[in-house]
Amino acid sequence: MPDPITGPRPTLEAVAARAGVSRATASRVVNGGAGVRAPLVDKVRRAVEELGYVPNHAARTLVTRRNGAVAVIIAEPEFRIFSDPFFAQQVRGISRELTANDSQLVLLWVEGRGDHDRIARYLGGGHVDGALAFSVHNDDELPALIEKSRIPTVFGGRPVEERSLAAPYVDCDNRGGARQAVQHLVSQGRRRIAHIAGPPDLTAAIDRVDGYRDVLIDADPSMVCQGDFTEKGGALAMAELLERHPDLDAVFAANDLTALGALRTLRERGVRVPEDVAVVGFDDMASVVEQADPALTTVHQDIEGMGRLMVKLLMRLLDETGGPAPASVITPTSLIHRASA
C-alpha cells in the first residue's frame, strides 16, 4: 500500500488493473452501481483495499450525481436543540441510518426568519442530496422554501394541512397516544384531569390537546393550561392549574420535560403523587424519565426509530428507479405504566 502522505495516490485505473477488470466495471463497483457480477465485485473491492484507493469526491459526484450528504434542518433556536433530549434522540437515529447508507449529516438550525435566505441558498446550491426537516412551526415559511429548492425532502411531524405539502412525513400517533394517557387516568377513577399543553403552533401539541378532548368531551377549558415543552414551562403551568383548580386529581403533560416540571411544583407544594394528583407524560425519553420522582408513567414513542425511518423514506425518494413516491408514516404509541399514575 502506498504511503498515504508521500506516495502517489492510487487511481481508478490502478484498481481496475489490479482486479483484472475494465475501468468502467471498476467505476460501477466503486460508485455503487448495479449490473456487476458478484465475483467481479469482490475482486474490485479487494483491489480497493489493497491499494488504499479513496474515490475522488468531485469525480464521484459527476458519476453518481450524488454528494453523499443530507441536510438535517431543525426549526428551533439553539438553546432548545441542546436542552431538549428529543432532538438528540432523533438526530442519533438519523445519523445511524445515514451512516448505514454511506451519507454524511449536515446539521442546520433555524433561529428565525432571518435564517431562511441562508438555508434556501444552501439547499439550492447543490451541496446536499436531500433534506430532513423537523419541528417546523405552523406559520413557518420553511416548507415552502424547501419545496421551491426542488430538493428531495422528508419532514418530521405532520403538517397542519397535509394536502399542502407534497413531501412525505414521519410522525407518531400523537392524538391516539394522548387518548391512551387520559383513558388510563379515567380508568383509575380520576375525575378532575388537567392538561399542560405544548406550543400551540406545533401539530404534535395540537394533536395531543385533541386527544385529551376526545376522551374528556365536556372538560372545562380552564383545565387546559399552555406550556412550551420545557421543564420550566411545565412547572409554571402546574402552579397556575393549582391556583385555578385546587381540587384537580390528575395531569396529562404534553411531554416528559413538562411532566418533570409539573412534578417539581407538586413536590414543592406538598402535593403527593400519585396519591393526591396522578401525572402522565409523553415521549418516554430515558434521560428525562430517570430524573422523575416518582417514576413517570408516560406515552412511549420511538423517537430514534422515527429518525431512521425519515432517512429510509428519503433514500427511496433519491432512488432513480422511477417507482412510486413513498407514503407518509404514522408510528404507533404505547402507554408505559410506572409509579406516577
Protein backbone atom coordinates (compact mmCIF):
# COMPACT_ATOMS: atom_id res chain seq x y z
CA MET A 1 0.00 0.00 0.00
CA PRO A 2 1.43 3.44 -0.90
CA ASP A 3 2.38 5.87 1.84
CA PRO A 4 -0.80 7.98 2.44
CA ILE A 5 1.28 11.12 2.79
CA THR A 6 4.25 10.87 0.40
CA GLY A 7 3.27 8.12 -2.04
CA PRO A 8 1.28 8.58 -5.23
CA ARG A 9 -2.47 8.45 -4.84
CA PRO A 10 -3.89 5.22 -6.30
CA THR A 11 -6.05 5.75 -9.38
CA LEU A 12 -9.18 4.01 -10.59
CA GLU A 13 -7.13 2.66 -13.48
CA ALA A 14 -4.77 1.02 -10.98
CA VAL A 15 -7.75 -0.54 -9.19
CA ALA A 16 -9.09 -1.89 -12.49
CA ALA A 17 -5.69 -3.32 -13.43
CA ARG A 18 -5.20 -4.99 -10.04
CA ALA A 19 -8.71 -6.52 -10.22
CA GLY A 20 -8.34 -7.55 -13.86
CA VAL A 21 -11.46 -5.69 -14.99
CA SER A 22 -12.23 -2.72 -17.20
CA ARG A 23 -12.15 0.81 -15.83
CA ALA A 24 -15.92 1.06 -16.42
CA THR A 25 -16.54 -2.05 -14.31
CA ALA A 26 -14.31 -0.77 -11.52
CA SER A 27 -16.13 2.57 -11.62
CA ARG A 28 -19.54 0.92 -11.31
CA VAL A 29 -18.44 -1.07 -8.27
CA VAL A 30 -16.73 1.88 -6.55
CA ASN A 31 -19.75 4.13 -7.14
CA GLY A 32 -22.35 1.60 -6.03
CA GLY A 33 -23.73 0.84 -9.47
CA ALA A 34 -25.64 -2.31 -10.36
CA GLY A 35 -25.12 -4.91 -13.05
CA VAL A 36 -21.73 -6.29 -11.98
CA ARG A 37 -21.36 -9.99 -11.16
CA ALA A 38 -20.57 -10.81 -7.53
CA PRO A 39 -17.10 -12.36 -8.21
CA LEU A 40 -16.01 -9.20 -10.03
CA VAL A 41 -17.39 -7.01 -7.25
CA ASP A 42 -15.28 -8.97 -4.75
CA LYS A 43 -12.16 -8.56 -6.92
CA VAL A 44 -12.64 -4.79 -7.23
CA ARG A 45 -13.29 -4.33 -3.51
CA ARG A 46 -10.21 -6.39 -2.67
CA ALA A 47 -8.13 -4.25 -5.05
CA VAL A 48 -9.51 -1.06 -3.45
CA GLU A 49 -8.49 -2.30 -0.02
CA GLU A 50 -5.04 -3.50 -1.12
CA LEU A 51 -4.19 -0.25 -2.91
CA GLY A 52 -5.80 2.04 -0.34
CA TYR A 53 -7.87 3.67 -3.07
CA VAL A 54 -10.07 6.58 -1.97
CA PRO A 55 -12.64 7.79 -4.56
CA ASN A 56 -12.29 11.39 -5.71
CA HIS A 57 -15.37 13.13 -4.35
CA ALA A 58 -15.78 15.53 -7.28
CA ALA A 59 -15.42 12.75 -9.83
CA ARG A 60 -17.78 10.50 -7.90
CA THR A 61 -20.38 13.25 -7.78
CA LEU A 62 -20.22 13.59 -11.57
CA VAL A 63 -20.77 9.86 -12.00
CA THR A 64 -23.42 9.25 -9.34
CA ARG A 65 -24.99 12.72 -9.29
CA ARG A 66 -24.85 12.38 -5.50
CA ASN A 67 -22.96 14.43 -2.93
CA GLY A 68 -23.16 11.82 -0.21
CA ALA A 69 -24.57 14.39 2.23
CA VAL A 70 -28.00 15.14 3.66
CA ALA A 71 -29.12 18.36 5.38
CA VAL A 72 -30.90 17.96 8.71
CA ILE A 73 -32.88 21.13 9.38
CA ILE A 74 -34.21 21.79 12.88
CA ALA A 75 -36.58 24.75 13.08
CA GLU A 76 -35.79 25.63 16.69
CA PRO A 77 -33.42 28.07 18.44
CA GLU A 78 -30.05 26.73 19.52
CA PHE A 79 -30.87 26.62 23.24
CA ARG A 80 -33.82 24.25 22.63
CA ILE A 81 -31.83 21.92 20.40
CA PHE A 82 -29.21 21.41 23.11
CA SER A 83 -31.55 21.39 26.12
CA ASP A 84 -34.28 19.04 24.85
CA PRO A 85 -33.11 15.40 24.55
CA PHE A 86 -35.84 14.75 21.98
CA PHE A 87 -33.67 16.34 19.30
CA ALA A 88 -30.58 14.36 20.32
CA GLN A 89 -32.50 11.09 20.08
CA GLN A 90 -33.96 11.90 16.68
CA VAL A 91 -30.61 13.08 15.28
CA ARG A 92 -28.99 9.90 16.64
CA GLY A 93 -31.42 7.78 14.65
CA ILE A 94 -30.89 9.91 11.55
CA SER A 95 -27.10 9.76 11.89
CA ARG A 96 -27.01 6.00 12.31
CA GLU A 97 -29.20 5.38 9.27
CA LEU A 98 -27.25 7.87 7.13
CA THR A 99 -24.02 6.12 8.12
CA ALA A 100 -25.53 2.82 7.02
CA ASN A 101 -26.25 4.47 3.67
CA ASP A 102 -22.74 5.95 3.34
CA SER A 103 -24.01 9.53 3.69
CA GLN A 104 -22.91 12.42 5.87
CA LEU A 105 -25.14 14.55 8.09
CA VAL A 106 -25.06 18.34 7.68
CA LEU A 107 -26.84 19.97 10.63
CA LEU A 108 -28.65 23.27 10.01
CA TRP A 109 -30.81 25.01 12.57
CA VAL A 110 -33.18 27.88 12.06
CA GLU A 111 -33.24 30.52 14.79
CA GLY A 112 -35.81 32.65 12.96
CA ARG A 113 -36.98 34.02 9.63
CA GLY A 114 -33.64 35.77 9.16
CA ASP A 115 -32.09 32.35 8.52
CA HIS A 116 -34.45 31.44 5.69
CA ASP A 117 -32.47 33.02 2.87
CA ARG A 118 -29.27 31.35 4.07
CA ILE A 119 -30.95 27.93 4.23
CA ALA A 120 -32.60 28.40 0.83
CA ARG A 121 -29.27 29.36 -0.80
CA TYR A 122 -27.52 26.39 0.73
CA LEU A 123 -30.18 23.89 -0.34
CA GLY A 124 -30.30 25.35 -3.84
CA GLY A 125 -26.52 25.29 -4.18
CA GLY A 126 -26.23 21.57 -4.85
CA HIS A 127 -24.33 20.84 -1.62
CA VAL A 128 -26.60 18.03 -0.42
CA ASP A 129 -28.67 15.25 -1.99
CA GLY A 130 -31.74 15.80 0.16
CA ALA A 131 -33.10 17.27 3.37
CA LEU A 132 -34.77 16.12 6.58
CA ALA A 133 -36.68 18.87 8.39
CA PHE A 134 -38.46 18.67 11.72
CA SER A 135 -40.05 20.77 14.46
CA VAL A 136 -41.46 23.05 11.76
CA HIS A 137 -43.97 25.50 13.24
CA ASN A 138 -47.34 26.15 11.64
CA ASP A 139 -46.65 29.69 10.42
CA ASP A 140 -43.12 28.89 9.24
CA GLU A 141 -42.28 29.62 5.60
CA LEU A 142 -39.55 26.98 5.67
CA PRO A 143 -41.57 24.18 3.98
CA ALA A 144 -42.38 26.45 1.03
CA LEU A 145 -38.72 27.48 0.71
CA ILE A 146 -37.58 23.86 0.79
CA GLU A 147 -40.19 22.89 -1.79
CA LYS A 148 -39.07 25.76 -4.01
CA SER A 149 -35.50 24.42 -3.93
CA ARG A 150 -36.82 21.18 -5.50
CA ILE A 151 -34.61 19.10 -3.25
CA PRO A 152 -35.99 15.71 -2.10
CA THR A 153 -37.25 16.20 1.45
CA VAL A 154 -38.89 14.26 4.28
CA PHE A 155 -40.49 16.11 7.19
CA GLY A 156 -40.57 15.03 10.81
CA GLY A 157 -44.05 15.85 12.08
CA ARG A 158 -47.45 16.10 10.48
CA PRO A 159 -48.05 19.39 8.64
CA VAL A 160 -51.13 21.44 9.53
CA GLU A 161 -52.58 20.98 6.04
CA GLU A 162 -51.35 17.62 4.79
CA ARG A 163 -52.53 18.23 1.25
CA SER A 164 -50.50 21.44 1.02
CA LEU A 165 -47.22 19.54 1.32
CA ALA A 166 -46.07 17.22 -1.44
CA ALA A 167 -43.19 15.75 0.58
CA PRO A 168 -43.80 12.74 2.84
CA TYR A 169 -43.55 12.99 6.62
CA VAL A 170 -42.98 10.74 9.63
CA ASP A 171 -44.80 11.26 12.91
CA CYS A 172 -46.16 9.26 15.82
CA ASP A 173 -49.85 8.89 16.65
CA ASN A 174 -49.92 11.96 18.89
CA ARG A 175 -53.69 12.09 19.18
CA GLY A 176 -54.04 8.37 19.85
CA GLY A 177 -51.25 8.47 22.42
CA ALA A 178 -52.94 11.34 24.25
CA ARG A 179 -56.18 9.35 24.33
CA GLN A 180 -54.29 6.41 25.87
CA ALA A 181 -52.89 8.67 28.58
CA VAL A 182 -56.22 10.24 29.53
CA GLN A 183 -58.15 6.95 29.31
CA HIS A 184 -55.61 5.47 31.73
CA LEU A 185 -56.26 8.28 34.21
CA VAL A 186 -60.04 7.87 33.84
CA SER A 187 -59.72 4.12 34.42
CA GLN A 188 -58.01 4.89 37.74
CA GLY A 189 -61.04 6.86 38.87
CA ARG A 190 -59.57 10.32 38.26
CA ARG A 191 -62.27 12.87 37.53
CA ARG A 192 -60.57 16.30 37.62
CA ILE A 193 -57.98 15.80 34.90
CA ALA A 194 -55.98 18.79 33.67
CA HIS A 195 -53.71 19.10 30.65
CA ILE A 196 -50.49 21.09 30.24
CA ALA A 197 -50.28 21.69 26.50
CA GLY A 198 -47.28 22.20 24.24
CA PRO A 199 -46.63 25.13 21.87
CA PRO A 200 -49.88 25.95 20.03
CA ASP A 201 -48.10 26.29 16.67
CA LEU A 202 -46.79 22.70 16.62
CA THR A 203 -49.08 19.97 15.29
CA ALA A 204 -47.81 17.46 17.86
CA ALA A 205 -49.08 19.71 20.65
CA ILE A 206 -52.37 20.39 18.83
CA ASP A 207 -52.98 16.67 18.29
CA ARG A 208 -52.29 15.90 21.95
CA VAL A 209 -54.82 18.52 23.07
CA ASP A 210 -57.34 16.99 20.65
CA GLY A 211 -56.66 13.53 22.07
CA TYR A 212 -57.29 14.86 25.60
CA ARG A 213 -60.59 16.38 24.46
CA ASP A 214 -61.59 13.19 22.61
CA VAL A 215 -61.85 11.48 25.99
CA LEU A 216 -62.98 14.45 28.11
CA ILE A 217 -65.54 15.91 25.71
CA ASP A 218 -67.10 18.19 28.33
CA ALA A 219 -63.85 19.24 30.02
CA ASP A 220 -63.70 22.77 31.41
CA PRO A 221 -61.47 24.81 29.03
CA SER A 222 -59.68 26.25 32.06
CA MET A 223 -58.37 22.75 32.83
CA VAL A 224 -56.02 23.17 29.86
CA CYS A 225 -53.00 25.37 30.56
CA GLN A 226 -50.46 26.48 27.98
CA GLY A 227 -46.91 25.17 28.29
CA ASP A 228 -43.92 25.15 25.92
CA PHE A 229 -42.45 21.62 26.06
CA THR A 230 -39.86 22.73 28.66
CA GLU A 231 -39.41 21.80 32.32
CA LYS A 232 -39.73 25.44 33.38
CA GLY A 233 -42.91 25.84 31.35
CA GLY A 234 -44.34 22.72 32.97
CA ALA A 235 -43.57 23.99 36.48
CA LEU A 236 -45.22 27.37 35.81
CA ALA A 237 -48.28 25.83 34.19
CA MET A 238 -48.72 23.37 37.07
CA ALA A 239 -48.64 26.25 39.55
CA GLU A 240 -51.30 28.08 37.54
CA LEU A 241 -53.51 24.99 37.36
CA LEU A 242 -53.32 24.54 41.13
CA GLU A 243 -54.42 28.14 41.57
CA ARG A 244 -57.34 27.65 39.18
CA HIS A 245 -58.36 24.20 40.37
CA PRO A 246 -57.02 23.20 43.81
CA ASP A 247 -59.17 20.05 43.62
CA LEU A 248 -57.65 18.62 40.43
CA ASP A 249 -56.60 14.99 40.81
CA ALA A 250 -54.62 14.25 37.62
CA VAL A 251 -52.47 15.94 34.98
CA PHE A 252 -51.62 14.84 31.47
CA ALA A 253 -48.44 16.68 30.45
CA ALA A 254 -47.72 17.21 26.74
CA ASN A 255 -44.18 15.81 27.04
CA ASP A 256 -41.81 14.36 29.63
CA LEU A 257 -39.93 17.61 30.27
CA THR A 258 -43.26 19.30 31.01
CA ALA A 259 -44.16 16.44 33.36
CA LEU A 260 -40.82 16.83 35.13
CA GLY A 261 -41.62 20.50 35.81
CA ALA A 262 -45.12 19.61 36.98
CA LEU A 263 -43.73 17.03 39.43
CA ARG A 264 -41.34 19.63 40.84
CA THR A 265 -44.14 22.12 41.52
CA LEU A 266 -46.36 19.45 43.09
CA ARG A 267 -43.49 18.36 45.34
CA GLU A 268 -42.79 21.98 46.41
CA ARG A 269 -46.50 22.46 47.24
CA GLY A 270 -46.61 19.29 49.34
CA VAL A 271 -48.96 17.52 46.91
CA ARG A 272 -48.43 13.75 46.88
CA VAL A 273 -48.01 11.91 43.58
CA PRO A 274 -49.93 9.78 42.76
CA GLU A 275 -52.00 9.76 45.98
CA ASP A 276 -53.33 13.30 45.52
CA VAL A 277 -52.52 14.02 41.87
CA ALA A 278 -51.56 11.49 39.19
CA VAL A 279 -49.17 12.59 36.43
CA VAL A 280 -48.69 11.17 32.92
CA GLY A 281 -46.14 12.43 30.37
CA PHE A 282 -45.46 11.83 26.69
CA ASP A 283 -42.26 10.68 24.89
CA ASP A 284 -40.65 8.15 27.26
CA MET A 285 -37.18 9.68 26.96
CA ALA A 286 -34.84 7.73 29.24
CA SER A 287 -32.65 10.72 30.14
CA VAL A 288 -35.74 12.58 31.41
CA VAL A 289 -37.69 9.69 32.89
CA GLU A 290 -34.68 8.74 35.04
CA GLN A 291 -34.92 12.12 36.79
CA ALA A 292 -38.59 11.77 37.70
CA ASP A 293 -39.65 11.06 41.28
CA PRO A 294 -41.83 9.06 41.46
CA ALA A 295 -41.11 7.09 38.27
CA LEU A 296 -43.03 8.66 35.42
CA THR A 297 -45.94 6.97 33.68
CA THR A 298 -45.73 8.16 30.08
CA VAL A 299 -46.64 7.53 26.46
CA HIS A 300 -43.80 5.90 24.53
CA GLN A 301 -42.90 6.96 21.00
CA ASP A 302 -39.91 5.53 19.14
CA ILE A 303 -38.04 8.80 18.61
CA GLU A 304 -34.80 7.29 17.33
CA GLY A 305 -36.72 4.87 15.14
CA MET A 306 -38.63 7.75 13.55
CA GLY A 307 -35.30 9.39 12.70
CA ARG A 308 -34.16 6.20 10.99
CA LEU A 309 -37.48 5.97 9.15
CA MET A 310 -37.12 9.52 7.84
CA VAL A 311 -33.78 8.56 6.26
CA LYS A 312 -35.26 5.39 4.75
CA LEU A 313 -38.04 7.40 3.11
CA LEU A 314 -35.50 9.93 1.81
CA MET A 315 -33.35 7.18 0.30
CA ARG A 316 -36.43 5.90 -1.51
CA LEU A 317 -37.04 9.42 -2.84
CA LEU A 318 -33.44 9.55 -4.06
CA ASP A 319 -33.78 6.17 -5.76
CA GLU A 320 -33.89 6.79 -9.51
CA THR A 321 -35.75 3.61 -10.43
CA GLY A 322 -38.90 5.60 -11.14
CA GLY A 323 -41.07 3.82 -8.58
CA PRO A 324 -43.93 5.48 -6.68
CA ALA A 325 -43.03 8.15 -4.10
CA PRO A 326 -43.12 6.81 -0.53
CA ALA A 327 -46.20 7.50 1.57
CA SER A 328 -46.10 9.32 4.90
CA VAL A 329 -45.87 7.14 8.00
CA ILE A 330 -47.61 7.41 11.39
CA THR A 331 -45.91 5.21 14.00
CA PRO A 332 -47.79 3.71 16.97
CA THR A 333 -47.54 4.77 20.60
CA SER A 334 -47.93 2.77 23.81
CA LEU A 335 -48.54 3.63 27.46
CA ILE A 336 -45.69 2.80 29.86
CA HIS A 337 -47.18 2.35 33.33
CA ARG A 338 -44.93 3.42 36.22
CA ALA A 339 -45.48 4.87 39.70
CA SER A 340 -46.73 8.41 38.95
CA ALA A 341 -50.18 7.30 37.71
